[in-house]
């Protein structure tokens, strides 16, 4: 099964470190400085400005209202209650304990991350992680 990931970031200057888990296995980590590692390789960075960098290039942004943009186009939104929307429809949810649900099923866990970071990693197509 293929899980799609996107690198995301916070609205403020601080970035939380945390593990990214799929079916119980750690597949990546968001480090204290915002660097995102998947399977040991650096793949991107969360910047304090909201910019999303993928392999060094500016590729997207998380805005203060929770909107997520890729190459300037709106691709979705994370709501304050944890719901993740694409094209207006709810496609998933980030639970308060870090569980990530895709259409009701738990697909992973985002430990020590914000809802915005977790939503970006699990629901928006910046990276393909096998």
N, C-alpha and C. Protein backbone atom coordinates (compact mmCIF):
# COMPACT_ATOMS: atom_id res chain seq x y z
N UNK A 1 0.84 -1.18 0.00
CA UNK A 1 0.00 0.00 0.00
C UNK A 1 0.88 1.23 0.00
N UNK A 2 0.46 2.21 -0.71
CA UNK A 2 1.23 3.43 -0.84
C UNK A 2 0.60 4.52 0.00
N UNK A 3 1.38 5.13 0.83
CA UNK A 3 0.90 6.24 1.66
C UNK A 3 1.51 7.51 1.09
N UNK A 4 0.71 8.51 0.90
CA UNK A 4 1.22 9.78 0.38
C UNK A 4 1.48 10.72 1.54
N UNK A 5 2.56 11.44 1.42
CA UNK A 5 3.00 12.34 2.49
C UNK A 5 3.26 13.72 1.93
N UNK A 6 3.20 14.65 2.77
CA UNK A 6 3.54 16.01 2.42
C UNK A 6 4.26 16.62 3.60
N UNK A 7 5.24 17.41 3.29
CA UNK A 7 5.97 18.06 4.36
C UNK A 7 5.21 19.32 4.74
N UNK A 8 5.02 19.54 6.03
CA UNK A 8 4.29 20.69 6.50
C UNK A 8 5.00 21.42 7.60
N UNK A 9 4.40 22.49 8.09
CA UNK A 9 5.05 23.24 9.13
C UNK A 9 4.07 23.93 10.03
N UNK A 10 4.59 24.68 10.98
CA UNK A 10 3.78 25.36 11.98
C UNK A 10 3.49 26.79 11.57
N UNK A 11 2.54 27.41 12.28
CA UNK A 11 2.22 28.81 12.03
C UNK A 11 3.14 29.73 12.81
N UNK A 12 3.84 29.22 13.80
CA UNK A 12 4.69 30.06 14.63
C UNK A 12 6.14 29.69 14.42
N UNK A 13 7.01 30.33 15.16
CA UNK A 13 8.44 30.10 14.99
C UNK A 13 8.88 28.73 15.50
N UNK A 14 8.16 28.19 16.46
CA UNK A 14 8.59 26.93 17.05
C UNK A 14 8.13 25.75 16.20
N UNK A 15 8.96 24.72 16.15
CA UNK A 15 8.63 23.48 15.47
C UNK A 15 8.81 22.35 16.47
N UNK A 16 7.86 21.45 16.55
CA UNK A 16 7.95 20.34 17.49
C UNK A 16 8.61 19.16 16.81
N UNK A 17 9.40 18.43 17.56
CA UNK A 17 10.00 17.21 17.02
C UNK A 17 9.05 16.05 17.27
N UNK A 18 9.04 15.10 16.35
CA UNK A 18 8.20 13.94 16.55
C UNK A 18 8.40 12.88 15.51
N UNK A 19 8.02 11.65 15.88
CA UNK A 19 8.13 10.51 14.98
C UNK A 19 6.91 10.41 14.09
N UNK A 20 7.13 9.88 12.89
CA UNK A 20 6.07 9.60 11.94
C UNK A 20 5.96 8.07 11.87
N UNK A 21 4.78 7.54 12.20
CA UNK A 21 4.60 6.09 12.21
C UNK A 21 3.54 5.67 11.20
N UNK A 22 3.80 4.55 10.53
CA UNK A 22 2.82 3.92 9.66
C UNK A 22 2.70 2.47 10.10
N UNK A 23 1.48 2.06 10.44
CA UNK A 23 1.22 0.71 10.94
C UNK A 23 2.19 0.30 12.04
N UNK A 24 2.49 1.24 12.94
CA UNK A 24 3.32 0.95 14.10
C UNK A 24 4.81 1.13 13.91
N UNK A 25 5.28 1.20 12.67
CA UNK A 25 6.72 1.35 12.40
C UNK A 25 7.08 2.81 12.19
N UNK A 26 8.21 3.22 12.76
CA UNK A 26 8.68 4.59 12.54
C UNK A 26 9.27 4.67 11.14
N UNK A 27 8.72 5.55 10.30
CA UNK A 27 9.21 5.72 8.93
C UNK A 27 9.89 7.07 8.73
N UNK A 28 9.78 7.94 9.72
CA UNK A 28 10.38 9.26 9.58
C UNK A 28 10.33 10.04 10.86
N UNK A 29 10.82 11.27 10.76
CA UNK A 29 10.90 12.13 11.94
C UNK A 29 10.91 13.59 11.50
N UNK A 30 10.24 14.42 12.29
CA UNK A 30 10.34 15.86 12.16
C UNK A 30 11.26 16.31 13.29
N UNK A 31 12.39 16.90 12.94
CA UNK A 31 13.38 17.30 13.93
C UNK A 31 13.07 18.68 14.51
N UNK A 32 13.76 19.04 15.59
CA UNK A 32 13.51 20.31 16.28
C UNK A 32 13.65 21.53 15.37
N UNK A 33 14.56 21.49 14.40
CA UNK A 33 14.77 22.65 13.52
C UNK A 33 13.82 22.66 12.33
N UNK A 34 12.89 21.69 12.25
CA UNK A 34 11.92 21.64 11.16
C UNK A 34 12.31 20.71 10.03
N UNK A 35 13.50 20.15 10.09
CA UNK A 35 13.94 19.22 9.05
C UNK A 35 13.08 17.96 9.09
N UNK A 36 12.68 17.50 7.91
CA UNK A 36 11.87 16.29 7.81
C UNK A 36 12.72 15.19 7.19
N UNK A 37 12.78 14.07 7.91
CA UNK A 37 13.51 12.89 7.41
C UNK A 37 12.51 11.77 7.20
N UNK A 38 12.61 11.11 6.05
CA UNK A 38 11.83 9.92 5.77
C UNK A 38 12.80 8.81 5.42
N UNK A 39 12.69 7.69 6.10
CA UNK A 39 13.60 6.55 5.90
C UNK A 39 15.05 6.98 5.99
N UNK A 40 15.36 7.93 6.88
CA UNK A 40 16.73 8.37 7.13
C UNK A 40 17.23 9.49 6.26
N UNK A 41 16.57 9.78 5.15
CA UNK A 41 17.02 10.83 4.24
C UNK A 41 16.29 12.14 4.50
N UNK A 42 17.00 13.25 4.39
CA UNK A 42 16.38 14.56 4.51
C UNK A 42 15.60 14.83 3.23
N UNK A 43 14.30 15.10 3.37
CA UNK A 43 13.45 15.32 2.20
C UNK A 43 12.83 16.71 2.16
N UNK A 44 12.89 17.44 3.25
CA UNK A 44 12.29 18.75 3.25
C UNK A 44 12.44 19.45 4.58
N UNK A 45 11.77 20.59 4.68
CA UNK A 45 11.86 21.38 5.90
C UNK A 45 10.60 22.20 6.09
N UNK A 46 10.18 22.29 7.36
CA UNK A 46 9.12 23.20 7.75
C UNK A 46 9.79 24.51 8.14
N UNK A 47 9.39 25.61 7.55
CA UNK A 47 9.98 26.90 7.91
C UNK A 47 9.00 27.69 8.76
N UNK A 48 9.52 28.55 9.60
CA UNK A 48 8.68 29.32 10.52
C UNK A 48 7.74 30.27 9.80
N UNK A 49 8.04 30.63 8.56
CA UNK A 49 7.19 31.53 7.79
C UNK A 49 5.94 30.83 7.25
N UNK A 50 5.90 29.50 7.34
CA UNK A 50 4.80 28.74 6.77
C UNK A 50 5.18 28.06 5.47
N UNK A 51 6.35 28.41 4.93
CA UNK A 51 6.78 27.81 3.67
C UNK A 51 7.11 26.33 3.85
N UNK A 52 6.81 25.56 2.83
CA UNK A 52 7.13 24.14 2.79
C UNK A 52 8.21 23.96 1.73
N UNK A 53 9.36 23.47 2.15
CA UNK A 53 10.46 23.23 1.22
C UNK A 53 10.61 21.74 1.00
N UNK A 54 10.71 21.36 -0.27
CA UNK A 54 10.91 19.97 -0.67
C UNK A 54 12.22 19.90 -1.42
N UNK A 55 13.17 19.18 -0.84
CA UNK A 55 14.52 19.05 -1.42
C UNK A 55 15.10 20.41 -1.78
N UNK A 56 14.86 21.40 -0.90
CA UNK A 56 15.43 22.73 -1.05
C UNK A 56 14.58 23.73 -1.79
N UNK A 57 13.63 23.28 -2.60
CA UNK A 57 12.80 24.18 -3.39
C UNK A 57 11.50 24.52 -2.66
N UNK A 58 11.08 25.77 -2.78
CA UNK A 58 9.80 26.19 -2.21
C UNK A 58 8.69 25.50 -2.99
N UNK A 59 7.85 24.74 -2.29
CA UNK A 59 6.85 23.94 -2.97
C UNK A 59 5.44 24.18 -2.45
N UNK A 60 5.29 24.83 -1.31
CA UNK A 60 3.97 25.04 -0.76
C UNK A 60 3.99 25.91 0.48
N UNK A 61 2.81 26.05 1.09
CA UNK A 61 2.69 26.91 2.26
C UNK A 61 1.47 26.51 3.07
N UNK A 62 1.61 26.61 4.39
CA UNK A 62 0.46 26.51 5.29
C UNK A 62 0.15 27.92 5.74
N UNK A 63 -1.09 28.33 5.52
CA UNK A 63 -1.49 29.68 5.89
C UNK A 63 -2.09 29.70 7.29
N UNK A 64 -2.22 30.88 7.85
CA UNK A 64 -2.66 31.02 9.24
C UNK A 64 -4.08 30.51 9.48
N UNK A 65 -4.92 30.44 8.44
CA UNK A 65 -6.28 29.93 8.62
C UNK A 65 -6.37 28.41 8.45
N UNK A 66 -5.21 27.75 8.26
CA UNK A 66 -5.19 26.30 8.09
C UNK A 66 -5.23 25.84 6.65
N UNK A 67 -5.35 26.78 5.71
CA UNK A 67 -5.33 26.42 4.29
C UNK A 67 -3.94 25.94 3.89
N UNK A 68 -3.92 24.95 3.01
CA UNK A 68 -2.65 24.39 2.54
C UNK A 68 -2.57 24.61 1.04
N UNK A 69 -1.48 25.22 0.61
CA UNK A 69 -1.27 25.53 -0.80
C UNK A 69 -0.08 24.76 -1.34
N UNK A 70 -0.21 24.32 -2.58
CA UNK A 70 0.89 23.66 -3.29
C UNK A 70 1.07 24.40 -4.60
N UNK A 71 2.27 24.91 -4.82
CA UNK A 71 2.58 25.69 -6.02
C UNK A 71 1.54 26.79 -6.24
N UNK A 72 1.10 27.41 -5.16
CA UNK A 72 0.17 28.53 -5.23
C UNK A 72 -1.30 28.16 -5.21
N UNK A 73 -1.64 26.93 -5.54
CA UNK A 73 -3.04 26.50 -5.60
C UNK A 73 -3.49 25.91 -4.27
N UNK A 74 -4.72 26.22 -3.89
CA UNK A 74 -5.30 25.68 -2.67
C UNK A 74 -5.57 24.18 -2.86
N UNK A 75 -5.00 23.34 -1.98
CA UNK A 75 -5.21 21.89 -2.09
C UNK A 75 -6.04 21.33 -0.94
N UNK A 76 -6.19 22.08 0.14
CA UNK A 76 -6.98 21.59 1.25
C UNK A 76 -6.88 22.47 2.47
N UNK A 77 -7.45 21.96 3.56
CA UNK A 77 -7.49 22.74 4.79
C UNK A 77 -7.54 21.81 5.99
N UNK A 78 -6.88 22.20 7.07
CA UNK A 78 -6.97 21.51 8.35
C UNK A 78 -7.79 22.40 9.28
N UNK A 79 -8.84 21.84 9.86
CA UNK A 79 -9.70 22.62 10.74
C UNK A 79 -9.24 22.49 12.18
N UNK A 80 -9.70 23.40 13.02
CA UNK A 80 -9.26 23.43 14.42
C UNK A 80 -9.65 22.17 15.19
N UNK A 81 -10.69 21.46 14.76
CA UNK A 81 -11.10 20.23 15.45
C UNK A 81 -10.35 18.99 14.96
N UNK A 82 -9.42 19.16 14.00
CA UNK A 82 -8.63 18.04 13.50
C UNK A 82 -9.10 17.48 12.17
N UNK A 83 -10.28 17.91 11.70
CA UNK A 83 -10.76 17.43 10.40
C UNK A 83 -9.87 17.94 9.28
N UNK A 84 -9.62 17.07 8.30
CA UNK A 84 -8.82 17.43 7.13
C UNK A 84 -9.75 17.43 5.92
N UNK A 85 -9.77 18.55 5.20
CA UNK A 85 -10.66 18.68 4.04
C UNK A 85 -9.88 18.83 2.75
N UNK A 86 -10.39 18.17 1.70
CA UNK A 86 -9.91 18.34 0.33
C UNK A 86 -11.13 18.65 -0.50
N UNK A 87 -11.09 19.69 -1.28
CA UNK A 87 -12.23 20.10 -2.13
C UNK A 87 -13.52 20.16 -1.32
N UNK A 88 -13.43 20.60 -0.08
CA UNK A 88 -14.60 20.77 0.77
C UNK A 88 -15.05 19.53 1.52
N UNK A 89 -14.62 18.36 1.09
CA UNK A 89 -15.04 17.11 1.74
C UNK A 89 -14.04 16.69 2.81
N UNK A 90 -14.56 16.15 3.91
CA UNK A 90 -13.69 15.64 4.97
C UNK A 90 -13.10 14.31 4.50
N UNK A 91 -11.76 14.22 4.46
CA UNK A 91 -11.09 13.00 4.02
C UNK A 91 -10.37 12.30 5.17
N UNK A 92 -10.19 12.99 6.27
CA UNK A 92 -9.48 12.38 7.38
C UNK A 92 -9.58 13.22 8.63
N UNK A 93 -8.89 12.74 9.65
CA UNK A 93 -8.91 13.44 10.94
C UNK A 93 -7.63 13.13 11.69
N UNK A 94 -7.13 14.15 12.38
CA UNK A 94 -6.00 13.99 13.28
C UNK A 94 -6.57 14.01 14.69
N UNK A 95 -6.46 12.90 15.40
CA UNK A 95 -6.99 12.79 16.76
C UNK A 95 -6.06 13.48 17.75
N UNK A 96 -6.57 13.84 18.91
CA UNK A 96 -5.77 14.53 19.92
C UNK A 96 -4.61 13.69 20.44
N UNK A 97 -4.70 12.37 20.33
CA UNK A 97 -3.61 11.50 20.78
C UNK A 97 -2.55 11.27 19.70
N UNK A 98 -2.73 11.87 18.51
CA UNK A 98 -1.77 11.72 17.43
C UNK A 98 -2.16 10.70 16.38
N UNK A 99 -3.22 9.91 16.63
CA UNK A 99 -3.67 8.96 15.62
C UNK A 99 -4.15 9.70 14.38
N UNK A 100 -3.82 9.15 13.22
CA UNK A 100 -4.24 9.73 11.95
C UNK A 100 -5.26 8.78 11.32
N UNK A 101 -6.46 9.29 11.07
CA UNK A 101 -7.52 8.48 10.48
C UNK A 101 -7.79 8.94 9.05
N UNK A 102 -7.82 7.98 8.14
CA UNK A 102 -8.14 8.23 6.74
C UNK A 102 -9.47 7.55 6.47
N UNK A 103 -10.52 8.36 6.27
CA UNK A 103 -11.87 7.85 6.06
C UNK A 103 -12.27 6.84 7.15
N UNK A 104 -11.90 7.15 8.39
CA UNK A 104 -12.30 6.35 9.54
C UNK A 104 -11.28 5.35 10.05
N UNK A 105 -10.41 4.86 9.18
CA UNK A 105 -9.41 3.86 9.59
C UNK A 105 -8.12 4.53 10.05
N UNK A 106 -7.51 3.99 11.10
CA UNK A 106 -6.22 4.53 11.55
C UNK A 106 -5.15 4.08 10.56
N UNK A 107 -4.45 5.05 9.97
CA UNK A 107 -3.40 4.74 8.98
C UNK A 107 -2.02 5.04 9.51
N UNK A 108 -1.94 5.76 10.62
CA UNK A 108 -0.64 6.08 11.16
C UNK A 108 -0.74 6.90 12.42
N UNK A 109 0.40 7.41 12.83
CA UNK A 109 0.46 8.20 14.06
C UNK A 109 1.52 9.27 13.89
N UNK A 110 1.19 10.47 14.29
CA UNK A 110 2.11 11.59 14.24
C UNK A 110 2.38 12.01 15.67
N UNK A 111 3.50 11.56 16.20
CA UNK A 111 3.82 11.79 17.61
C UNK A 111 4.58 13.09 17.77
N UNK A 112 4.12 13.94 18.67
CA UNK A 112 4.82 15.17 18.97
C UNK A 112 4.72 16.24 17.90
N UNK A 113 3.76 16.13 17.01
CA UNK A 113 3.58 17.13 15.95
C UNK A 113 2.26 17.86 16.14
N UNK A 114 2.14 18.97 15.48
CA UNK A 114 0.86 19.68 15.48
C UNK A 114 -0.09 19.01 14.50
N UNK A 115 -1.37 19.33 14.61
CA UNK A 115 -2.36 18.83 13.65
C UNK A 115 -2.01 19.25 12.23
N UNK A 116 -1.51 20.47 12.08
CA UNK A 116 -1.17 20.97 10.75
C UNK A 116 -0.06 20.14 10.12
N UNK A 117 0.99 19.86 10.89
CA UNK A 117 2.09 19.06 10.36
C UNK A 117 1.60 17.66 9.99
N UNK A 118 0.84 17.05 10.87
CA UNK A 118 0.36 15.69 10.61
C UNK A 118 -0.54 15.65 9.38
N UNK A 119 -1.42 16.62 9.24
CA UNK A 119 -2.31 16.65 8.07
C UNK A 119 -1.52 16.79 6.78
N UNK A 120 -0.54 17.66 6.80
CA UNK A 120 0.28 17.87 5.62
C UNK A 120 1.03 16.59 5.26
N UNK A 121 1.59 15.91 6.24
CA UNK A 121 2.35 14.69 5.98
C UNK A 121 1.49 13.56 5.44
N UNK A 122 0.30 13.38 5.99
CA UNK A 122 -0.49 12.21 5.64
C UNK A 122 -1.47 12.42 4.50
N UNK A 123 -1.92 13.64 4.25
CA UNK A 123 -3.05 13.80 3.33
C UNK A 123 -2.77 14.60 2.06
N UNK A 124 -1.61 15.22 1.95
CA UNK A 124 -1.36 16.05 0.78
C UNK A 124 -0.12 15.57 0.05
N UNK A 125 -0.19 15.52 -1.26
CA UNK A 125 0.76 14.80 -2.10
C UNK A 125 2.01 15.63 -2.42
N UNK A 126 2.94 15.68 -1.48
CA UNK A 126 4.25 16.25 -1.77
C UNK A 126 5.27 15.13 -1.90
N UNK A 127 5.10 14.06 -1.13
CA UNK A 127 6.03 12.94 -1.14
C UNK A 127 5.26 11.63 -1.23
N UNK A 128 5.83 10.67 -1.91
CA UNK A 128 5.30 9.30 -1.90
C UNK A 128 6.23 8.47 -1.05
N UNK A 129 5.69 7.84 -0.05
CA UNK A 129 6.48 6.98 0.82
C UNK A 129 5.91 5.58 0.72
N UNK A 130 6.75 4.64 0.35
CA UNK A 130 6.27 3.25 0.16
C UNK A 130 6.46 2.45 1.42
